[in-house]
Amino acid sequence: AVDSSGRNGPVMFSFTDNRRNDTIADLLRPYKGVVQTDGLYGYANAQKECSFTHIGCLVHARRKAVEANGNRKSGTAFELLGLYGSFFHEEGTLVEGFREGSITPEDYLQARKKKLSPILEKIRVLCTSNVDKSIGKLKTALQYPLDRWETLVRFLDYPFATSSNQRAENAIRPFTVGRKNWLLNITE
């Protein structure tokens, strides 16, 4: 988690044995802040009955394009990957400047919207114009961001948020790798 100044903030871990809609809603019901997640629909459903602000993850959207592209060096998925690449490069440059303290949160939000919104719009247009004439993994790669568009671009309104939940995923990686090692343990 990152606080409003871009510094590391508190992190909360909670264990549940499932990811059902009602379980997610019960966990997040008392929370009124910003929650950034992967693309699991349970979070979108929980947001309907809870008071948190939901932000999606563009890295998860990009993964669908990687799967659709394979090793190709042309085509719609390849073009989509190029746009994601441009986006993440520009975002990284902006985040670095913000974290160094060389720009205020307000100026950072303005600069980020000015620089990243056009690339995001190109991604949206590419997906919209090709999704109906696509099938299989490519259709999934194009439909995935369109279905989650509002949450994917919401990070632009919060200086402490990024387009990705990679920090959270990296923080839980030891648990997910370890669960295979702990498979025969009796307790959670």
N, C-alpha and C. Protein backbone atom coordinates (compact mmCIF):
# COMPACT_ATOMS: atom_id res chain seq x y z
N ALA A 1 0.85 -1.18 0.00
CA ALA A 1 0.00 0.00 0.00
C ALA A 1 0.89 1.24 0.00
N VAL A 2 0.39 2.27 -0.62
CA VAL A 2 1.12 3.52 -0.72
C VAL A 2 0.24 4.61 -0.13
N ASP A 3 0.81 5.51 0.68
CA ASP A 3 -0.01 6.58 1.25
C ASP A 3 -0.13 7.73 0.26
N SER A 4 -0.83 8.79 0.67
CA SER A 4 -1.15 9.88 -0.25
C SER A 4 0.08 10.65 -0.73
N SER A 5 1.22 10.48 -0.08
CA SER A 5 2.43 11.17 -0.52
C SER A 5 3.29 10.30 -1.42
N GLY A 6 2.82 9.08 -1.72
CA GLY A 6 3.58 8.19 -2.58
C GLY A 6 4.53 7.29 -1.83
N ARG A 7 4.57 7.39 -0.49
CA ARG A 7 5.44 6.54 0.31
C ARG A 7 4.72 5.25 0.68
N ASN A 8 5.49 4.25 1.07
CA ASN A 8 4.89 3.01 1.53
C ASN A 8 4.01 3.29 2.74
N GLY A 9 2.82 2.72 2.72
CA GLY A 9 1.88 2.88 3.82
C GLY A 9 1.57 1.53 4.43
N PRO A 10 0.50 1.46 5.21
CA PRO A 10 0.18 0.20 5.89
C PRO A 10 -0.31 -0.86 4.90
N VAL A 11 -0.11 -2.10 5.28
CA VAL A 11 -0.56 -3.23 4.49
C VAL A 11 -1.35 -4.15 5.41
N MET A 12 -2.50 -4.62 4.94
CA MET A 12 -3.31 -5.53 5.72
C MET A 12 -3.45 -6.84 4.95
N PHE A 13 -3.21 -7.94 5.63
CA PHE A 13 -3.44 -9.26 5.06
C PHE A 13 -4.62 -9.87 5.78
N SER A 14 -5.47 -10.51 5.03
CA SER A 14 -6.60 -11.21 5.62
C SER A 14 -6.73 -12.54 4.90
N PHE A 15 -6.99 -13.60 5.65
CA PHE A 15 -7.10 -14.92 5.04
C PHE A 15 -8.55 -15.35 5.00
N THR A 16 -8.97 -15.83 3.86
CA THR A 16 -10.26 -16.51 3.72
C THR A 16 -10.00 -17.75 2.89
N ASP A 17 -10.84 -18.72 3.03
CA ASP A 17 -10.64 -19.96 2.28
C ASP A 17 -11.38 -19.95 0.94
N ASN A 18 -11.93 -18.78 0.55
CA ASN A 18 -12.61 -18.68 -0.74
C ASN A 18 -12.60 -17.24 -1.22
N ARG A 19 -13.02 -17.04 -2.45
CA ARG A 19 -13.09 -15.70 -3.03
C ARG A 19 -14.50 -15.44 -3.56
N ARG A 20 -15.50 -15.92 -2.83
CA ARG A 20 -16.88 -15.71 -3.23
C ARG A 20 -17.26 -14.25 -3.04
N ASN A 21 -18.28 -13.81 -3.78
CA ASN A 21 -18.73 -12.42 -3.71
C ASN A 21 -19.06 -11.99 -2.29
N ASP A 22 -19.82 -12.81 -1.55
CA ASP A 22 -20.23 -12.41 -0.20
C ASP A 22 -19.04 -12.36 0.76
N THR A 23 -18.05 -13.21 0.57
CA THR A 23 -16.86 -13.19 1.42
C THR A 23 -16.07 -11.90 1.19
N ILE A 24 -15.92 -11.53 -0.06
CA ILE A 24 -15.20 -10.29 -0.39
C ILE A 24 -15.95 -9.08 0.15
N ALA A 25 -17.27 -9.07 -0.02
CA ALA A 25 -18.07 -7.95 0.47
C ALA A 25 -17.99 -7.84 1.99
N ASP A 26 -18.04 -8.98 2.69
CA ASP A 26 -17.95 -8.96 4.16
C ASP A 26 -16.61 -8.38 4.62
N LEU A 27 -15.53 -8.74 3.92
CA LEU A 27 -14.21 -8.22 4.27
C LEU A 27 -14.12 -6.72 4.07
N LEU A 28 -14.69 -6.23 2.97
CA LEU A 28 -14.50 -4.82 2.59
C LEU A 28 -15.63 -3.90 3.04
N ARG A 29 -16.69 -4.43 3.59
CA ARG A 29 -17.85 -3.62 3.97
C ARG A 29 -17.48 -2.45 4.89
N PRO A 30 -16.68 -2.63 5.91
CA PRO A 30 -16.38 -1.49 6.79
C PRO A 30 -15.36 -0.50 6.22
N TYR A 31 -14.71 -0.85 5.14
CA TYR A 31 -13.62 -0.02 4.60
C TYR A 31 -14.18 1.06 3.68
N LYS A 32 -13.70 2.28 3.84
CA LYS A 32 -14.19 3.41 3.05
C LYS A 32 -13.15 3.97 2.09
N GLY A 33 -11.97 3.37 2.03
CA GLY A 33 -10.88 3.90 1.21
C GLY A 33 -10.83 3.31 -0.17
N VAL A 34 -9.63 3.30 -0.73
CA VAL A 34 -9.37 2.82 -2.08
C VAL A 34 -8.82 1.40 -2.00
N VAL A 35 -9.34 0.51 -2.85
CA VAL A 35 -8.88 -0.87 -2.92
C VAL A 35 -8.49 -1.16 -4.36
N GLN A 36 -7.26 -1.59 -4.55
CA GLN A 36 -6.81 -1.95 -5.88
C GLN A 36 -6.67 -3.46 -5.95
N THR A 37 -7.27 -4.05 -7.00
CA THR A 37 -7.34 -5.50 -7.08
C THR A 37 -7.03 -5.99 -8.48
N ASP A 38 -6.98 -7.31 -8.59
CA ASP A 38 -6.93 -7.93 -9.91
C ASP A 38 -8.33 -7.82 -10.52
N GLY A 39 -8.59 -8.52 -11.59
CA GLY A 39 -9.85 -8.39 -12.31
C GLY A 39 -10.98 -9.27 -11.82
N LEU A 40 -10.85 -9.89 -10.68
CA LEU A 40 -11.90 -10.77 -10.17
C LEU A 40 -13.20 -9.99 -10.00
N TYR A 41 -14.28 -10.50 -10.58
CA TYR A 41 -15.56 -9.80 -10.53
C TYR A 41 -16.12 -9.65 -9.12
N GLY A 42 -15.67 -10.48 -8.19
CA GLY A 42 -16.15 -10.37 -6.81
C GLY A 42 -15.92 -9.00 -6.21
N TYR A 43 -14.85 -8.34 -6.59
CA TYR A 43 -14.57 -7.00 -6.07
C TYR A 43 -15.53 -5.97 -6.67
N ALA A 44 -15.82 -6.10 -7.94
CA ALA A 44 -16.79 -5.20 -8.58
C ALA A 44 -18.17 -5.40 -7.96
N ASN A 45 -18.53 -6.65 -7.69
CA ASN A 45 -19.81 -6.93 -7.04
C ASN A 45 -19.84 -6.37 -5.62
N ALA A 46 -18.74 -6.50 -4.89
CA ALA A 46 -18.67 -5.98 -3.53
C ALA A 46 -18.79 -4.47 -3.51
N GLN A 47 -18.23 -3.82 -4.51
CA GLN A 47 -18.29 -2.35 -4.56
C GLN A 47 -19.74 -1.87 -4.66
N LYS A 48 -20.60 -2.65 -5.27
CA LYS A 48 -22.01 -2.27 -5.40
C LYS A 48 -22.70 -2.14 -4.05
N GLU A 49 -22.27 -2.92 -3.07
CA GLU A 49 -22.92 -2.88 -1.76
C GLU A 49 -22.04 -2.34 -0.64
N CYS A 50 -20.84 -1.91 -0.97
CA CYS A 50 -19.91 -1.37 0.03
C CYS A 50 -19.52 0.05 -0.36
N SER A 51 -18.74 0.71 0.51
CA SER A 51 -18.40 2.12 0.28
C SER A 51 -16.96 2.35 -0.15
N PHE A 52 -16.23 1.33 -0.53
CA PHE A 52 -14.84 1.54 -0.97
C PHE A 52 -14.80 1.95 -2.44
N THR A 53 -13.66 2.51 -2.84
CA THR A 53 -13.43 2.86 -4.24
C THR A 53 -12.56 1.77 -4.85
N HIS A 54 -13.01 1.21 -5.94
CA HIS A 54 -12.32 0.07 -6.57
C HIS A 54 -11.46 0.55 -7.73
N ILE A 55 -10.19 0.17 -7.70
CA ILE A 55 -9.26 0.44 -8.80
C ILE A 55 -8.78 -0.89 -9.36
N GLY A 56 -8.77 -1.02 -10.66
CA GLY A 56 -8.33 -2.25 -11.31
C GLY A 56 -6.83 -2.25 -11.58
N CYS A 57 -6.39 -3.26 -12.31
CA CYS A 57 -4.96 -3.46 -12.58
C CYS A 57 -4.73 -3.64 -14.08
N LEU A 58 -4.02 -2.70 -14.67
CA LEU A 58 -3.72 -2.79 -16.10
C LEU A 58 -2.74 -3.91 -16.44
N VAL A 59 -1.93 -4.34 -15.49
CA VAL A 59 -1.01 -5.45 -15.75
C VAL A 59 -1.81 -6.72 -16.04
N HIS A 60 -2.92 -6.90 -15.32
CA HIS A 60 -3.75 -8.07 -15.59
C HIS A 60 -4.37 -7.99 -16.98
N ALA A 61 -4.76 -6.80 -17.40
CA ALA A 61 -5.28 -6.62 -18.76
C ALA A 61 -4.19 -6.93 -19.79
N ARG A 62 -2.99 -6.45 -19.52
CA ARG A 62 -1.86 -6.70 -20.44
C ARG A 62 -1.57 -8.20 -20.57
N ARG A 63 -1.69 -8.94 -19.47
CA ARG A 63 -1.41 -10.38 -19.51
C ARG A 63 -2.28 -11.10 -20.53
N LYS A 64 -3.52 -10.65 -20.67
CA LYS A 64 -4.41 -11.27 -21.66
C LYS A 64 -3.87 -11.03 -23.07
N ALA A 65 -3.31 -9.84 -23.31
CA ALA A 65 -2.73 -9.54 -24.62
C ALA A 65 -1.48 -10.37 -24.87
N VAL A 66 -0.68 -10.60 -23.83
CA VAL A 66 0.51 -11.44 -23.96
C VAL A 66 0.09 -12.86 -24.36
N GLU A 67 -0.93 -13.39 -23.70
CA GLU A 67 -1.42 -14.73 -24.02
C GLU A 67 -1.94 -14.80 -25.45
N ALA A 68 -2.64 -13.76 -25.88
CA ALA A 68 -3.20 -13.73 -27.23
C ALA A 68 -2.12 -13.59 -28.30
N ASN A 69 -1.07 -12.88 -27.98
CA ASN A 69 -0.04 -12.59 -28.98
C ASN A 69 0.88 -13.78 -29.25
N GLY A 70 1.22 -14.53 -28.23
CA GLY A 70 2.20 -15.59 -28.42
C GLY A 70 3.54 -14.98 -28.82
N ASN A 71 4.13 -15.49 -29.89
CA ASN A 71 5.42 -14.98 -30.37
C ASN A 71 5.31 -14.13 -31.63
N ARG A 72 4.11 -13.69 -31.96
CA ARG A 72 3.91 -12.92 -33.18
C ARG A 72 4.58 -11.55 -33.11
N LYS A 73 4.94 -11.04 -34.28
CA LYS A 73 5.58 -9.72 -34.37
C LYS A 73 4.70 -8.72 -35.11
N SER A 74 3.42 -9.07 -35.26
CA SER A 74 2.46 -8.16 -35.89
C SER A 74 1.05 -8.58 -35.47
N GLY A 75 0.08 -7.78 -35.84
CA GLY A 75 -1.31 -8.10 -35.53
C GLY A 75 -1.85 -7.23 -34.40
N THR A 76 -3.12 -7.44 -34.12
CA THR A 76 -3.82 -6.62 -33.13
C THR A 76 -3.25 -6.80 -31.73
N ALA A 77 -3.01 -8.04 -31.32
CA ALA A 77 -2.46 -8.27 -29.98
C ALA A 77 -1.07 -7.64 -29.85
N PHE A 78 -0.27 -7.74 -30.89
CA PHE A 78 1.06 -7.14 -30.88
C PHE A 78 0.96 -5.62 -30.75
N GLU A 79 0.03 -5.04 -31.50
CA GLU A 79 -0.19 -3.59 -31.42
C GLU A 79 -0.66 -3.19 -30.02
N LEU A 80 -1.54 -3.98 -29.44
CA LEU A 80 -2.03 -3.72 -28.09
C LEU A 80 -0.89 -3.79 -27.08
N LEU A 81 -0.02 -4.77 -27.24
CA LEU A 81 1.14 -4.88 -26.35
C LEU A 81 2.05 -3.65 -26.48
N GLY A 82 2.20 -3.15 -27.68
CA GLY A 82 3.00 -1.94 -27.88
C GLY A 82 2.42 -0.74 -27.14
N LEU A 83 1.09 -0.62 -27.17
CA LEU A 83 0.44 0.47 -26.45
C LEU A 83 0.61 0.31 -24.94
N TYR A 84 0.44 -0.92 -24.46
CA TYR A 84 0.67 -1.16 -23.03
C TYR A 84 2.12 -0.82 -22.67
N GLY A 85 3.05 -1.20 -23.51
CA GLY A 85 4.46 -0.90 -23.26
C GLY A 85 4.71 0.60 -23.16
N SER A 86 4.16 1.36 -24.10
CA SER A 86 4.29 2.82 -24.06
C SER A 86 3.69 3.39 -22.79
N PHE A 87 2.52 2.87 -22.44
CA PHE A 87 1.84 3.34 -21.24
C PHE A 87 2.70 3.12 -20.00
N PHE A 88 3.18 1.88 -19.80
CA PHE A 88 3.94 1.57 -18.58
C PHE A 88 5.26 2.33 -18.54
N HIS A 89 5.87 2.56 -19.70
CA HIS A 89 7.10 3.35 -19.74
C HIS A 89 6.83 4.78 -19.26
N GLU A 90 5.80 5.40 -19.82
CA GLU A 90 5.47 6.78 -19.45
C GLU A 90 5.05 6.87 -17.98
N GLU A 91 4.26 5.90 -17.53
CA GLU A 91 3.85 5.92 -16.14
C GLU A 91 5.06 5.79 -15.21
N GLY A 92 5.99 4.91 -15.54
CA GLY A 92 7.19 4.73 -14.73
C GLY A 92 7.99 6.01 -14.60
N THR A 93 8.13 6.74 -15.69
CA THR A 93 8.86 8.00 -15.68
C THR A 93 8.17 9.01 -14.76
N LEU A 94 6.84 9.09 -14.87
CA LEU A 94 6.08 10.04 -14.04
C LEU A 94 6.13 9.66 -12.56
N VAL A 95 5.98 8.38 -12.26
CA VAL A 95 6.00 7.91 -10.87
C VAL A 95 7.36 8.20 -10.24
N GLU A 96 8.41 7.98 -10.99
CA GLU A 96 9.75 8.22 -10.47
C GLU A 96 9.93 9.68 -10.06
N GLY A 97 9.48 10.59 -10.91
CA GLY A 97 9.57 12.01 -10.59
C GLY A 97 8.74 12.38 -9.37
N PHE A 98 7.58 11.78 -9.25
CA PHE A 98 6.71 12.06 -8.10
C PHE A 98 7.32 11.54 -6.81
N ARG A 99 7.84 10.35 -6.84
CA ARG A 99 8.41 9.75 -5.62
C ARG A 99 9.69 10.46 -5.18
N GLU A 100 10.39 11.07 -6.13
CA GLU A 100 11.59 11.85 -5.78
C GLU A 100 11.21 13.17 -5.11
N GLY A 101 9.93 13.54 -5.20
CA GLY A 101 9.47 14.78 -4.58
C GLY A 101 9.66 16.00 -5.44
N SER A 102 9.97 15.81 -6.71
CA SER A 102 10.20 16.96 -7.58
C SER A 102 8.91 17.52 -8.16
N ILE A 103 7.77 16.96 -7.78
CA ILE A 103 6.49 17.42 -8.30
C ILE A 103 5.43 17.25 -7.22
N THR A 104 4.52 18.21 -7.12
CA THR A 104 3.46 18.14 -6.11
C THR A 104 2.41 17.10 -6.54
N PRO A 105 1.62 16.60 -5.60
CA PRO A 105 0.57 15.65 -5.98
C PRO A 105 -0.40 16.20 -7.02
N GLU A 106 -0.76 17.46 -6.90
CA GLU A 106 -1.69 18.07 -7.86
C GLU A 106 -1.07 18.15 -9.26
N ASP A 107 0.19 18.59 -9.32
CA ASP A 107 0.88 18.66 -10.62
C ASP A 107 1.09 17.26 -11.20
N TYR A 108 1.36 16.31 -10.32
CA TYR A 108 1.53 14.93 -10.76
C TYR A 108 0.25 14.40 -11.39
N LEU A 109 -0.89 14.65 -10.75
CA LEU A 109 -2.16 14.20 -11.31
C LEU A 109 -2.41 14.81 -12.68
N GLN A 110 -2.15 16.10 -12.80
CA GLN A 110 -2.34 16.78 -14.09
C GLN A 110 -1.40 16.22 -15.16
N ALA A 111 -0.13 16.08 -14.81
CA ALA A 111 0.86 15.57 -15.77
C ALA A 111 0.51 14.13 -16.17
N ARG A 112 0.11 13.35 -15.21
CA ARG A 112 -0.23 11.95 -15.48
C ARG A 112 -1.43 11.86 -16.41
N LYS A 113 -2.47 12.62 -16.13
CA LYS A 113 -3.66 12.60 -17.01
C LYS A 113 -3.30 13.07 -18.42
N LYS A 114 -2.50 14.12 -18.50
CA LYS A 114 -2.12 14.67 -19.80
C LYS A 114 -1.31 13.66 -20.62
N LYS A 115 -0.40 12.97 -19.96
CA LYS A 115 0.51 12.05 -20.65
C LYS A 115 -0.11 10.68 -20.88
N LEU A 116 -0.87 10.16 -19.90
CA LEU A 116 -1.35 8.78 -19.98
C LEU A 116 -2.73 8.64 -20.60
N SER A 117 -3.58 9.63 -20.44
CA SER A 117 -4.94 9.52 -20.98
C SER A 117 -4.98 9.27 -22.49
N PRO A 118 -4.14 9.93 -23.30
CA PRO A 118 -4.16 9.64 -24.74
C PRO A 118 -3.78 8.20 -25.07
N ILE A 119 -2.84 7.64 -24.33
CA ILE A 119 -2.44 6.25 -24.58
C ILE A 119 -3.57 5.32 -24.16
N LEU A 120 -4.18 5.60 -23.02
CA LEU A 120 -5.32 4.79 -22.59
C LEU A 120 -6.46 4.86 -23.60
N GLU A 121 -6.68 6.01 -24.15
CA GLU A 121 -7.74 6.15 -25.16
C GLU A 121 -7.41 5.33 -26.41
N LYS A 122 -6.15 5.30 -26.81
CA LYS A 122 -5.76 4.46 -27.95
C LYS A 122 -6.00 2.98 -27.66
N ILE A 123 -5.72 2.56 -26.42
CA ILE A 123 -5.98 1.18 -26.02
C ILE A 123 -7.48 0.90 -26.11
N ARG A 124 -8.29 1.81 -25.58
CA ARG A 124 -9.74 1.62 -25.59
C ARG A 124 -10.28 1.56 -27.01
N VAL A 125 -9.81 2.45 -27.87
CA VAL A 125 -10.27 2.48 -29.26
C VAL A 125 -9.85 1.21 -29.99
N LEU A 126 -8.62 0.77 -29.81
CA LEU A 126 -8.15 -0.46 -30.46
C LEU A 126 -9.01 -1.65 -30.02
N CYS A 127 -9.27 -1.74 -28.74
CA CYS A 127 -10.09 -2.85 -28.22
C CYS A 127 -11.52 -2.77 -28.77
N THR A 128 -12.11 -1.59 -28.69
CA THR A 128 -13.49 -1.41 -29.14
C THR A 128 -13.65 -1.72 -30.63
N SER A 129 -12.71 -1.27 -31.43
CA SER A 129 -12.85 -1.43 -32.88
C SER A 129 -12.53 -2.85 -33.36
N ASN A 130 -11.93 -3.68 -32.53
CA ASN A 130 -11.55 -5.02 -32.97
C ASN A 130 -12.24 -6.16 -32.23
N VAL A 131 -12.88 -5.89 -31.11
CA VAL A 131 -13.41 -6.97 -30.29
C VAL A 131 -14.50 -7.79 -31.00
N ASP A 132 -15.37 -7.15 -31.75
CA ASP A 132 -16.46 -7.87 -32.39
C ASP A 132 -16.02 -8.76 -33.55
N LYS A 133 -14.86 -8.48 -34.11
CA LYS A 133 -14.37 -9.30 -35.23
C LYS A 133 -13.26 -10.25 -34.80
N SER A 134 -13.14 -10.48 -33.48
CA SER A 134 -12.09 -11.35 -32.96
C SER A 134 -12.70 -12.57 -32.28
N ILE A 135 -11.88 -13.60 -32.13
CA ILE A 135 -12.31 -14.81 -31.44
C ILE A 135 -11.20 -15.28 -30.50
N GLY A 136 -11.54 -16.21 -29.63
CA GLY A 136 -10.55 -16.87 -28.78
C GLY A 136 -9.82 -15.92 -27.85
N LYS A 137 -8.52 -16.15 -27.71
CA LYS A 137 -7.69 -15.39 -26.77
C LYS A 137 -7.62 -13.91 -27.14
N LEU A 138 -7.65 -13.61 -28.43
CA LEU A 138 -7.62 -12.21 -28.84
C LEU A 138 -8.89 -11.50 -28.38
N LYS A 139 -10.02 -12.13 -28.56
CA LYS A 139 -11.29 -11.53 -28.12
C LYS A 139 -11.24 -11.28 -26.61
N THR A 140 -10.72 -12.25 -25.86
CA THR A 140 -10.59 -12.09 -24.41
C THR A 140 -9.68 -10.92 -24.08
N ALA A 141 -8.56 -10.79 -24.79
CA ALA A 141 -7.60 -9.70 -24.54
C ALA A 141 -8.21 -8.34 -24.82
N LEU A 142 -9.15 -8.28 -25.76
CA LEU A 142 -9.79 -7.02 -26.11
C LEU A 142 -10.99 -6.73 -25.22
N GLN A 143 -11.73 -7.76 -24.84
CA GLN A 143 -12.94 -7.58 -24.03
C GLN A 143 -12.61 -7.32 -22.56
N TYR A 144 -11.56 -7.95 -22.07
CA TYR A 144 -11.18 -7.84 -20.65
C TYR A 144 -11.04 -6.37 -20.21
N PRO A 145 -10.24 -5.55 -20.88
CA PRO A 145 -10.14 -4.16 -20.42
C PRO A 145 -11.43 -3.37 -20.63
N LEU A 146 -12.17 -3.68 -21.68
CA LEU A 146 -13.42 -2.96 -21.93
C LEU A 146 -14.43 -3.22 -20.81
N ASP A 147 -14.51 -4.46 -20.35
CA ASP A 147 -15.43 -4.81 -19.27
C ASP A 147 -15.07 -4.13 -17.95
N ARG A 148 -13.81 -3.76 -17.79
CA ARG A 148 -13.32 -3.20 -16.52
C ARG A 148 -12.82 -1.77 -16.68
N TRP A 149 -13.15 -1.12 -17.78
CA TRP A 149 -12.53 0.15 -18.14
C TRP A 149 -12.61 1.19 -17.02
N GLU A 150 -13.76 1.35 -16.43
CA GLU A 150 -13.92 2.38 -15.39
C GLU A 150 -12.95 2.17 -14.23
N THR A 151 -12.79 0.93 -13.80
CA THR A 151 -11.87 0.68 -12.69
C THR A 151 -10.41 0.76 -13.14
N LEU A 152 -10.14 0.43 -14.40
CA LEU A 152 -8.75 0.47 -14.89
C LEU A 152 -8.20 1.88 -15.00
N VAL A 153 -9.05 2.86 -15.26
CA VAL A 153 -8.57 4.24 -15.42
C VAL A 153 -8.78 5.08 -14.17
N ARG A 154 -9.43 4.53 -13.16
CA ARG A 154 -9.73 5.29 -11.94
C ARG A 154 -8.48 5.71 -11.18
N PHE A 155 -7.37 5.00 -11.35
CA PHE A 155 -6.12 5.36 -10.66
C PHE A 155 -5.68 6.77 -11.00
N LEU A 156 -6.10 7.29 -12.15
CA LEU A 156 -5.71 8.63 -12.58
C LEU A 156 -6.19 9.72 -11.62
N ASP A 157 -7.18 9.41 -10.79
CA ASP A 157 -7.73 10.40 -9.86
C ASP A 157 -7.06 10.41 -8.50
N TYR A 158 -6.11 9.51 -8.27
CA TYR A 158 -5.48 9.37 -6.95
C TYR A 158 -3.97 9.40 -7.10
N PRO A 159 -3.30 10.42 -6.53
CA PRO A 159 -1.85 10.50 -6.72
C PRO A 159 -1.09 9.34 -6.09
N PHE A 160 -1.65 8.69 -5.10
CA PHE A 160 -0.97 7.58 -4.43
C PHE A 160 -1.16 6.25 -5.16
N ALA A 161 -2.06 6.21 -6.13
CA ALA A 161 -2.35 4.96 -6.84
C ALA A 161 -1.54 4.84 -8.12
N THR A 162 -1.26 3.61 -8.51
CA THR A 162 -0.66 3.34 -9.81
C THR A 162 -1.65 2.51 -10.61
N SER A 163 -1.30 2.17 -11.80
CA SER A 163 -2.18 1.41 -12.67
C SER A 163 -2.13 -0.09 -12.38
N SER A 164 -1.33 -0.49 -11.43
CA SER A 164 -1.07 -1.91 -11.22
C SER A 164 -1.12 -2.29 -9.75
N ASN A 165 -1.57 -3.50 -9.47
CA ASN A 165 -1.54 -4.00 -8.10
C ASN A 165 -0.33 -4.91 -7.88
N GLN A 166 0.73 -4.73 -8.65
CA GLN A 166 1.91 -5.58 -8.56
C GLN A 166 2.55 -5.57 -7.18
N ARG A 167 2.52 -4.44 -6.49
CA ARG A 167 3.11 -4.39 -5.14
C ARG A 167 2.42 -5.38 -4.22
N ALA A 168 1.10 -5.42 -4.29
CA ALA A 168 0.35 -6.35 -3.45
C ALA A 168 0.65 -7.79 -3.85
N GLU A 169 0.68 -8.05 -5.14
CA GLU A 169 0.96 -9.41 -5.60
C GLU A 169 2.36 -9.86 -5.21
N ASN A 170 3.32 -8.96 -5.29
CA ASN A 170 4.67 -9.32 -4.87
C ASN A 170 4.74 -9.56 -3.36
N ALA A 171 3.93 -8.83 -2.59
CA ALA A 171 3.92 -9.00 -1.14
C ALA A 171 3.36 -10.36 -0.73
N ILE A 172 2.41 -10.89 -1.50
CA ILE A 172 1.82 -12.19 -1.14
C ILE A 172 2.50 -13.37 -1.84
N ARG A 173 3.44 -13.08 -2.71
CA ARG A 173 4.12 -14.16 -3.43
C ARG A 173 4.70 -15.24 -2.51
N PRO A 174 5.34 -14.88 -1.38
CA PRO A 174 5.86 -15.94 -0.51
C PRO A 174 4.77 -16.90 -0.03
N PHE A 175 3.57 -16.38 0.21
CA PHE A 175 2.48 -17.25 0.65
C PHE A 175 2.02 -18.17 -0.48
N THR A 176 1.92 -17.62 -1.68
CA THR A 176 1.41 -18.43 -2.78
C THR A 176 2.43 -19.48 -3.22
N VAL A 177 3.70 -19.14 -3.17
CA VAL A 177 4.73 -20.13 -3.47
C VAL A 177 4.80 -21.16 -2.35
N GLY A 178 4.69 -20.68 -1.12
CA GLY A 178 4.78 -21.57 0.03
C GLY A 178 3.63 -22.54 0.17
N ARG A 179 2.45 -22.19 -0.36
CA ARG A 179 1.30 -23.07 -0.12
C ARG A 179 1.50 -24.46 -0.69
N LYS A 180 2.27 -24.60 -1.75
CA LYS A 180 2.58 -25.94 -2.26
C LYS A 180 3.47 -26.69 -1.28
N ASN A 181 4.40 -25.98 -0.66
CA ASN A 181 5.27 -26.60 0.33
C ASN A 181 4.50 -26.98 1.59
N TRP A 182 3.44 -26.21 1.88
CA TRP A 182 2.67 -26.42 3.10
C TRP A 182 1.42 -27.25 2.85
N LEU A 183 1.31 -27.85 1.70
CA LEU A 183 0.10 -28.53 1.29
C LEU A 183 -0.38 -29.57 2.31
N LEU A 184 0.53 -30.27 2.95
CA LEU A 184 0.14 -31.33 3.87
C LEU A 184 0.02 -30.86 5.32
N ASN A 185 0.24 -29.57 5.56
CA ASN A 185 0.02 -29.05 6.91
C ASN A 185 -1.47 -29.09 7.23
N ILE A 186 -1.79 -29.31 8.48
CA ILE A 186 -3.19 -29.46 8.88
C ILE A 186 -3.87 -28.09 9.08
N THR A 187 -3.14 -27.07 9.51
CA THR A 187 -3.75 -25.79 9.82
C THR A 187 -3.52 -24.78 8.70
N GLU A 188 -4.38 -23.77 8.66
CA GLU A 188 -4.23 -22.71 7.66
C GLU A 188 -3.01 -21.87 7.96
